[in-house]
PDB file of all heavy atoms in Angstrom:
ATOM      1  N   HIS A   1      12.448 167.801  52.194  1.00  0.00           N
ATOM      2  CA  HIS A   1      13.192 168.790  51.439  1.00  0.00           C
ATOM      3  C   HIS A   1      12.580 168.970  50.022  1.00  0.00           C
ATOM      4  O   HIS A   1      12.907 169.927  49.337  1.00  0.00           O
ATOM      5  CB  HIS A   1      14.622 168.377  51.353  1.00  0.00           C
ATOM      6  CG  HIS A   1      15.408 168.639  52.560  1.00  0.00           C
ATOM      7  ND1 HIS A   1      15.874 167.639  53.435  1.00  0.00           N
ATOM      8  CD2 HIS A   1      15.658 169.793  53.309  1.00  0.00           C
ATOM      9  CE1 HIS A   1      16.522 168.167  54.366  1.00  0.00           C
ATOM     10  NE2 HIS A   1      16.375 169.482  54.360  1.00  0.00           N
ATOM     11  N   ARG A   2      11.737 168.094  49.526  1.00  0.00           N
ATOM     12  CA  ARG A   2      11.190 168.127  48.235  1.00  0.00           C
ATOM     13  C   ARG A   2       9.880 168.912  48.164  1.00  0.00           C
ATOM     14  O   ARG A   2       9.700 169.816  47.388  1.00  0.00           O
ATOM     15  CB  ARG A   2      11.046 166.749  47.642  1.00  0.00           C
ATOM     16  CG  ARG A   2      10.347 166.678  46.312  1.00  0.00           C
ATOM     17  CD  ARG A   2      11.393 166.848  45.242  1.00  0.00           C
ATOM     18  NE  ARG A   2      10.713 166.646  43.971  1.00  0.00           N
ATOM     19  CZ  ARG A   2      10.733 167.488  42.923  1.00  0.00           C
ATOM     20  NH1 ARG A   2      11.365 168.630  43.038  1.00  0.00           N
ATOM     21  NH2 ARG A   2      10.119 167.165  41.800  1.00  0.00           N
ATOM     22  N   CYS A   3       8.894 168.528  49.106  1.00  0.00           N
ATOM     23  CA  CYS A   3       7.611 169.224  49.041  1.00  0.00           C
ATOM     24  C   CYS A   3       7.265 170.037  50.231  1.00  0.00           C
ATOM     25  O   CYS A   3       6.263 170.731  50.283  1.00  0.00           O
ATOM     26  CB  CYS A   3       6.542 168.086  48.815  1.00  0.00           C
ATOM     27  SG  CYS A   3       6.352 166.992  50.227  1.00  0.00           S
ATOM     28  N   GLY A   4       7.992 169.923  51.298  1.00  0.00           N
ATOM     29  CA  GLY A   4       7.746 170.771  52.465  1.00  0.00           C
ATOM     30  C   GLY A   4       6.867 170.179  53.522  1.00  0.00           C
ATOM     31  O   GLY A   4       6.549 170.817  54.537  1.00  0.00           O
ATOM     32  N   ARG A   5       6.341 168.977  53.255  1.00  0.00           N
ATOM     33  CA  ARG A   5       5.470 168.287  54.163  1.00  0.00           C
ATOM     34  C   ARG A   5       6.032 168.107  55.524  1.00  0.00           C
ATOM     35  O   ARG A   5       7.200 167.615  55.632  1.00  0.00           O
ATOM     36  CB  ARG A   5       4.979 166.977  53.568  1.00  0.00           C
ATOM     37  CG  ARG A   5       4.092 166.161  54.426  1.00  0.00           C
ATOM     38  CD  ARG A   5       3.661 164.918  53.692  1.00  0.00           C
ATOM     39  NE  ARG A   5       3.244 163.924  54.652  1.00  0.00           N
ATOM     40  CZ  ARG A   5       3.128 162.618  54.413  1.00  0.00           C
ATOM     41  NH1 ARG A   5       3.508 162.144  53.308  1.00  0.00           N
ATOM     42  NH2 ARG A   5       2.659 161.867  55.346  1.00  0.00           N
ATOM     43  N   VAL A   6       5.304 168.413  56.625  1.00  0.00           N
ATOM     44  CA  VAL A   6       5.814 168.204  57.953  1.00  0.00           C
ATOM     45  C   VAL A   6       5.783 166.664  58.179  1.00  0.00           C
ATOM     46  O   VAL A   6       4.830 166.013  57.959  1.00  0.00           O
ATOM     47  CB  VAL A   6       4.938 168.874  59.012  1.00  0.00           C
ATOM     48  CG1 VAL A   6       5.389 168.539  60.422  1.00  0.00           C
ATOM     49  CG2 VAL A   6       5.031 170.388  58.775  1.00  0.00           C
ATOM     50  N   LEU A   7       6.881 166.173  58.751  1.00  0.00           N
ATOM     51  CA  LEU A   7       7.010 164.723  58.912  1.00  0.00           C
ATOM     52  C   LEU A   7       7.085 164.396  60.459  1.00  0.00           C
ATOM     53  O   LEU A   7       7.510 165.208  61.294  1.00  0.00           O
ATOM     54  CB  LEU A   7       8.349 164.167  58.315  1.00  0.00           C
ATOM     55  CG  LEU A   7       8.444 164.537  56.827  1.00  0.00           C
ATOM     56  CD1 LEU A   7       9.842 164.267  56.325  1.00  0.00           C
ATOM     57  CD2 LEU A   7       7.419 163.823  55.958  1.00  0.00           C
ATOM     58  N   ASP A   8       6.709 163.151  60.775  1.00  0.00           N
ATOM     59  CA  ASP A   8       6.919 162.679  62.218  1.00  0.00           C
ATOM     60  C   ASP A   8       7.813 161.473  62.140  1.00  0.00           C
ATOM     61  O   ASP A   8       8.217 161.063  61.032  1.00  0.00           O
ATOM     62  CB  ASP A   8       5.604 162.418  62.865  1.00  0.00           C
ATOM     63  CG  ASP A   8       4.757 161.335  62.256  1.00  0.00           C
ATOM     64  OD1 ASP A   8       5.366 160.381  61.614  1.00  0.00           O
ATOM     65  OD2 ASP A   8       3.552 161.359  62.380  1.00  0.00           O
ATOM     66  N   SER A   9       8.059 160.877  63.284  1.00  0.00           N
ATOM     67  CA  SER A   9       9.050 159.784  63.350  1.00  0.00           C
ATOM     68  C   SER A   9       8.586 158.563  62.580  1.00  0.00           C
ATOM     69  O   SER A   9       9.446 157.697  62.211  1.00  0.00           O
ATOM     70  CB  SER A   9       9.365 159.433  64.794  1.00  0.00           C
ATOM     71  OG  SER A   9       8.174 159.007  65.449  1.00  0.00           O
ATOM     72  N   ARG A  10       7.328 158.432  62.289  1.00  0.00           N
ATOM     73  CA  ARG A  10       6.831 157.264  61.565  1.00  0.00           C
ATOM     74  C   ARG A  10       6.847 157.485  60.036  1.00  0.00           C
ATOM     75  O   ARG A  10       6.839 156.511  59.313  1.00  0.00           O
ATOM     76  CB  ARG A  10       5.363 156.976  61.982  1.00  0.00           C
ATOM     77  CG  ARG A  10       5.253 156.507  63.411  1.00  0.00           C
ATOM     78  CD  ARG A  10       3.850 156.472  63.828  1.00  0.00           C
ATOM     79  NE  ARG A  10       3.350 157.899  63.739  1.00  0.00           N
ATOM     80  CZ  ARG A  10       2.118 158.264  63.879  1.00  0.00           C
ATOM     81  NH1 ARG A  10       1.171 157.378  64.026  1.00  0.00           N
ATOM     82  NH2 ARG A  10       1.834 159.509  63.810  1.00  0.00           N
ATOM     83  N   THR A  11       6.935 158.711  59.536  1.00  0.00           N
ATOM     84  CA  THR A  11       6.871 158.998  58.114  1.00  0.00           C
ATOM     85  C   THR A  11       8.164 159.529  57.518  1.00  0.00           C
ATOM     86  O   THR A  11       8.230 159.669  56.366  1.00  0.00           O
ATOM     87  CB  THR A  11       5.755 159.942  57.816  1.00  0.00           C
ATOM     88  OG1 THR A  11       6.028 161.222  58.473  1.00  0.00           O
ATOM     89  CG2 THR A  11       4.366 159.364  58.146  1.00  0.00           C
ATOM     90  N   VAL A  12       9.160 159.837  58.371  1.00  0.00           N
ATOM     91  CA  VAL A  12      10.344 160.471  57.834  1.00  0.00           C
ATOM     92  C   VAL A  12      11.340 159.445  57.226  1.00  0.00           C
ATOM     93  O   VAL A  12      11.536 158.346  57.742  1.00  0.00           O
ATOM     94  CB  VAL A  12      11.027 161.291  58.889  1.00  0.00           C
ATOM     95  CG1 VAL A  12      11.615 160.450  60.059  1.00  0.00           C
ATOM     96  CG2 VAL A  12      12.141 162.223  58.387  1.00  0.00           C
ATOM     97  N   LEU A  13      11.870 159.786  56.093  1.00  0.00           N
ATOM     98  CA  LEU A  13      12.977 158.984  55.446  1.00  0.00           C
ATOM     99  C   LEU A  13      14.181 159.909  55.382  1.00  0.00           C
ATOM    100  O   LEU A  13      14.064 161.084  55.024  1.00  0.00           O
ATOM    101  CB  LEU A  13      12.575 158.568  54.047  1.00  0.00           C
ATOM    102  CG  LEU A  13      11.382 157.640  53.938  1.00  0.00           C
ATOM    103  CD1 LEU A  13      10.960 157.497  52.488  1.00  0.00           C
ATOM    104  CD2 LEU A  13      11.696 156.260  54.574  1.00  0.00           C
ATOM    105  N   ARG A  14      15.359 159.364  55.811  1.00  0.00           N
ATOM    106  CA  ARG A  14      16.565 160.198  55.724  1.00  0.00           C
ATOM    107  C   ARG A  14      17.651 159.405  54.961  1.00  0.00           C
ATOM    108  O   ARG A  14      17.665 158.175  54.968  1.00  0.00           O
ATOM    109  CB  ARG A  14      17.006 160.453  57.176  1.00  0.00           C
ATOM    110  CG  ARG A  14      16.134 161.417  57.891  1.00  0.00           C
ATOM    111  CD  ARG A  14      16.800 161.910  59.194  1.00  0.00           C
ATOM    112  NE  ARG A  14      16.017 162.903  59.806  1.00  0.00           N
ATOM    113  CZ  ARG A  14      15.228 162.661  60.889  1.00  0.00           C
ATOM    114  NH1 ARG A  14      15.223 161.488  61.376  1.00  0.00           N
ATOM    115  NH2 ARG A  14      14.511 163.637  61.376  1.00  0.00           N
ATOM    116  N   SER A  15      18.455 160.181  54.356  1.00  0.00           N
ATOM    117  CA  SER A  15      19.613 159.623  53.664  1.00  0.00           C
ATOM    118  C   SER A  15      20.833 160.613  53.818  1.00  0.00           C
ATOM    119  O   SER A  15      20.576 161.793  53.886  1.00  0.00           O
ATOM    120  CB  SER A  15      19.363 159.435  52.125  1.00  0.00           C
ATOM    121  OG  SER A  15      20.413 158.927  51.500  1.00  0.00           O
ATOM    122  N   LEU A  16      21.982 160.086  53.895  1.00  0.00           N
ATOM    123  CA  LEU A  16      23.179 160.916  54.001  1.00  0.00           C
ATOM    124  C   LEU A  16      23.835 160.991  52.636  1.00  0.00           C
ATOM    125  O   LEU A  16      24.190 159.982  52.013  1.00  0.00           O
ATOM    126  CB  LEU A  16      24.130 160.324  55.034  1.00  0.00           C
ATOM    127  CG  LEU A  16      25.361 161.094  55.408  1.00  0.00           C
ATOM    128  CD1 LEU A  16      24.940 162.406  56.052  1.00  0.00           C
ATOM    129  CD2 LEU A  16      26.221 160.263  56.293  1.00  0.00           C
ATOM    130  N   ALA A  17      24.039 162.205  52.152  1.00  0.00           N
ATOM    131  CA  ALA A  17      24.702 162.493  50.873  1.00  0.00           C
ATOM    132  C   ALA A  17      26.076 163.054  51.199  1.00  0.00           C
ATOM    133  O   ALA A  17      26.214 164.094  51.869  1.00  0.00           O
ATOM    134  CB  ALA A  17      23.896 163.401  50.064  1.00  0.00           C
ATOM    135  N   HIS A  18      27.122 162.438  50.713  1.00  0.00           N
ATOM    136  CA  HIS A  18      28.469 162.841  50.971  1.00  0.00           C
ATOM    137  C   HIS A  18      29.089 163.483  49.726  1.00  0.00           C
ATOM    138  O   HIS A  18      28.983 162.986  48.644  1.00  0.00           O
ATOM    139  CB  HIS A  18      29.338 161.599  51.389  1.00  0.00           C
ATOM    140  CG  HIS A  18      30.724 161.922  51.690  1.00  0.00           C
ATOM    141  ND1 HIS A  18      31.802 161.645  50.817  1.00  0.00           N
ATOM    142  CD2 HIS A  18      31.323 162.497  52.744  1.00  0.00           C
ATOM    143  CE1 HIS A  18      32.917 161.977  51.345  1.00  0.00           C
ATOM    144  NE2 HIS A  18      32.678 162.590  52.463  1.00  0.00           N
ATOM    145  N   ASP A  19      29.683 164.644  49.937  1.00  0.00           N
ATOM    146  CA  ASP A  19      30.426 165.347  48.862  1.00  0.00           C
ATOM    147  C   ASP A  19      31.885 164.994  48.972  1.00  0.00           C
ATOM    148  O   ASP A  19      32.580 165.483  49.876  1.00  0.00           O
ATOM    149  CB  ASP A  19      30.221 166.852  49.008  1.00  0.00           C
ATOM    150  CG  ASP A  19      30.844 167.607  47.835  1.00  0.00           C
ATOM    151  OD1 ASP A  19      31.642 167.070  47.139  1.00  0.00           O
ATOM    152  OD2 ASP A  19      30.429 168.760  47.615  1.00  0.00           O
ATOM    153  N   PRO A  20      32.459 164.166  48.101  1.00  0.00           N
ATOM    154  CA  PRO A  20      33.850 163.756  48.193  1.00  0.00           C
ATOM    155  C   PRO A  20      34.788 164.937  47.843  1.00  0.00           C
ATOM    156  O   PRO A  20      36.003 164.815  48.265  1.00  0.00           O
ATOM    157  CB  PRO A  20      33.965 162.628  47.126  1.00  0.00           C
ATOM    158  CG  PRO A  20      32.892 162.822  46.209  1.00  0.00           C
ATOM    159  CD  PRO A  20      31.738 163.459  46.938  1.00  0.00           C
ATOM    160  N   VAL A  21      34.407 165.984  47.204  1.00  0.00           N
ATOM    161  CA  VAL A  21      35.321 167.007  46.865  1.00  0.00           C
ATOM    162  C   VAL A  21      35.687 167.812  48.103  1.00  0.00           C
ATOM    163  O   VAL A  21      36.868 168.079  48.326  1.00  0.00           O
ATOM    164  CB  VAL A  21      34.630 167.999  45.799  1.00  0.00           C
ATOM    165  CG1 VAL A  21      35.496 169.175  45.530  1.00  0.00           C
ATOM    166  CG2 VAL A  21      34.335 167.215  44.476  1.00  0.00           C
ATOM    167  N   ASP A  22      34.697 168.279  48.889  1.00  0.00           N
ATOM    168  CA  ASP A  22      35.054 169.095  50.058  1.00  0.00           C
ATOM    169  C   ASP A  22      34.836 168.329  51.335  1.00  0.00           C
ATOM    170  O   ASP A  22      35.087 168.842  52.455  1.00  0.00           O
ATOM    171  CB  ASP A  22      34.236 170.329  50.058  1.00  0.00           C
ATOM    172  CG  ASP A  22      32.756 170.239  50.227  1.00  0.00           C
ATOM    173  OD1 ASP A  22      32.297 169.100  50.424  1.00  0.00           O
ATOM    174  OD2 ASP A  22      32.052 171.216  50.118  1.00  0.00           O
ATOM    175  N   GLY A  23      34.413 167.093  51.266  1.00  0.00           N
ATOM    176  CA  GLY A  23      34.354 166.241  52.476  1.00  0.00           C
ATOM    177  C   GLY A  23      33.140 166.540  53.373  1.00  0.00           C
ATOM    178  O   GLY A  23      33.055 166.004  54.479  1.00  0.00           O
ATOM    179  N   THR A  24      32.143 167.294  52.882  1.00  0.00           N
ATOM    180  CA  THR A  24      30.944 167.590  53.706  1.00  0.00           C
ATOM    181  C   THR A  24      29.891 166.571  53.479  1.00  0.00           C
ATOM    182  O   THR A  24      29.906 165.770  52.447  1.00  0.00           O
ATOM    183  CB  THR A  24      30.359 169.041  53.336  1.00  0.00           C
ATOM    184  OG1 THR A  24      29.998 168.973  51.999  1.00  0.00           O
ATOM    185  CG2 THR A  24      31.382 170.106  53.641  1.00  0.00           C
ATOM    186  N   ALA A  25      28.933 166.534  54.360  1.00  0.00           N
ATOM    187  CA  ALA A  25      27.799 165.610  54.242  1.00  0.00           C
ATOM    188  C   ALA A  25      26.484 166.372  54.453  1.00  0.00           C
ATOM    189  O   ALA A  25      26.484 167.354  55.278  1.00  0.00           O
ATOM    190  CB  ALA A  25      27.946 164.458  55.265  1.00  0.00           C
ATOM    191  N   THR A  26      25.449 165.967  53.772  1.00  0.00           N
ATOM    192  CA  THR A  26      24.139 166.608  53.955  1.00  0.00           C
ATOM    193  C   THR A  26      23.151 165.504  54.225  1.00  0.00           C
ATOM    194  O   THR A  26      23.179 164.427  53.628  1.00  0.00           O
ATOM    195  CB  THR A  26      23.743 167.277  52.584  1.00  0.00           C
ATOM    196  OG1 THR A  26      24.755 168.277  52.317  1.00  0.00           O
ATOM    197  CG2 THR A  26      22.399 167.941  52.757  1.00  0.00           C
ATOM    198  N   VAL A  27      22.275 165.795  55.193  1.00  0.00           N
ATOM    199  CA  VAL A  27      21.223 164.893  55.578  1.00  0.00           C
ATOM    200  C   VAL A  27      19.991 165.253  54.744  1.00  0.00           C
ATOM    201  O   VAL A  27      19.520 166.382  54.832  1.00  0.00           O
ATOM    202  CB  VAL A  27      20.798 164.907  57.065  1.00  0.00           C
ATOM    203  CG1 VAL A  27      19.620 163.946  57.276  1.00  0.00           C
ATOM    204  CG2 VAL A  27      22.032 164.457  57.885  1.00  0.00           C
ATOM    205  N   LEU A  28      19.552 164.360  53.855  1.00  0.00           N
ATOM    206  CA  LEU A  28      18.311 164.519  53.096  1.00  0.00           C
ATOM    207  C   LEU A  28      17.200 163.965  53.796  1.00  0.00           C
ATOM    208  O   LEU A  28      17.173 162.875  54.269  1.00  0.00           O
ATOM    209  CB  LEU A  28      18.481 163.850  51.727  1.00  0.00           C
ATOM    210  CG  LEU A  28      19.710 164.222  50.858  1.00  0.00           C
ATOM    211  CD1 LEU A  28      19.755 163.346  49.622  1.00  0.00           C
ATOM    212  CD2 LEU A  28      19.613 165.670  50.455  1.00  0.00           C
ATOM    213  N   THR A  29      16.062 164.782  53.866  1.00  0.00           N
ATOM    214  CA  THR A  29      14.870 164.308  54.595  1.00  0.00           C
ATOM    215  C   THR A  29      13.722 164.364  53.596  1.00  0.00           C
ATOM    216  O   THR A  29      13.531 165.300  52.903  1.00  0.00           O
ATOM    217  CB  THR A  29      14.567 165.285  55.725  1.00  0.00           C
ATOM    218  OG1 THR A  29      15.702 165.375  56.604  1.00  0.00           O
ATOM    219  CG2 THR A  29      13.399 164.812  56.590  1.00  0.00           C
ATOM    220  N   ALA A  30      12.980 163.247  53.526  1.00  0.00           N
ATOM    221  CA  ALA A  30      11.884 163.092  52.571  1.00  0.00           C
ATOM    222  C   ALA A  30      10.683 162.382  53.164  1.00  0.00           C
ATOM    223  O   ALA A  30      10.819 161.675  54.109  1.00  0.00           O
ATOM    224  CB  ALA A  30      12.421 162.487  51.270  1.00  0.00           C
ATOM    225  N   CYS A  31       9.555 162.583  52.458  1.00  0.00           N
ATOM    226  CA  CYS A  31       8.327 161.885  52.907  1.00  0.00           C
ATOM    227  C   CYS A  31       8.075 160.629  52.155  1.00  0.00           C
ATOM    228  O   CYS A  31       7.155 159.841  52.560  1.00  0.00           O
ATOM    229  CB  CYS A  31       7.112 162.875  52.773  1.00  0.00           C
ATOM    230  SG  CYS A  31       6.759 163.368  51.081  1.00  0.00           S
ATOM    231  N   SER A  32       8.829 160.330  51.125  1.00  0.00           N
ATOM    232  CA  SER A  32       8.520 159.143  50.285  1.00  0.00           C
ATOM    233  C   SER A  32       9.840 158.716  49.642  1.00  0.00           C
ATOM    234  O   SER A  32      10.756 159.552  49.464  1.00  0.00           O
ATOM    235  CB  SER A  32       7.485 159.368  49.248  1.00  0.00           C
ATOM    236  OG  SER A  32       7.951 160.255  48.206  1.00  0.00           O
ATOM    237  N   PRO A  33       9.924 157.461  49.242  1.00  0.00           N
ATOM    238  CA  PRO A  33      11.152 157.020  48.605  1.00  0.00           C
ATOM    239  C   PRO A  33      11.325 157.727  47.209  1.00  0.00           C
ATOM    240  O   PRO A  33      12.466 157.971  46.850  1.00  0.00           O
ATOM    241  CB  PRO A  33      10.929 155.463  48.335  1.00  0.00           C
ATOM    242  CG  PRO A  33       9.900 155.078  49.372  1.00  0.00           C
ATOM    243  CD  PRO A  33       9.026 156.349  49.634  1.00  0.00           C
TER     244      PRO A  33
END
């Protein structure tokens, strides 16, 4: 989501970001920490 690099299962990092105001969650996908 930061640089647009195509990722595969060995290089993908994911994190769940929760919005406490409206209760939604977003999956962040990145190529590096």
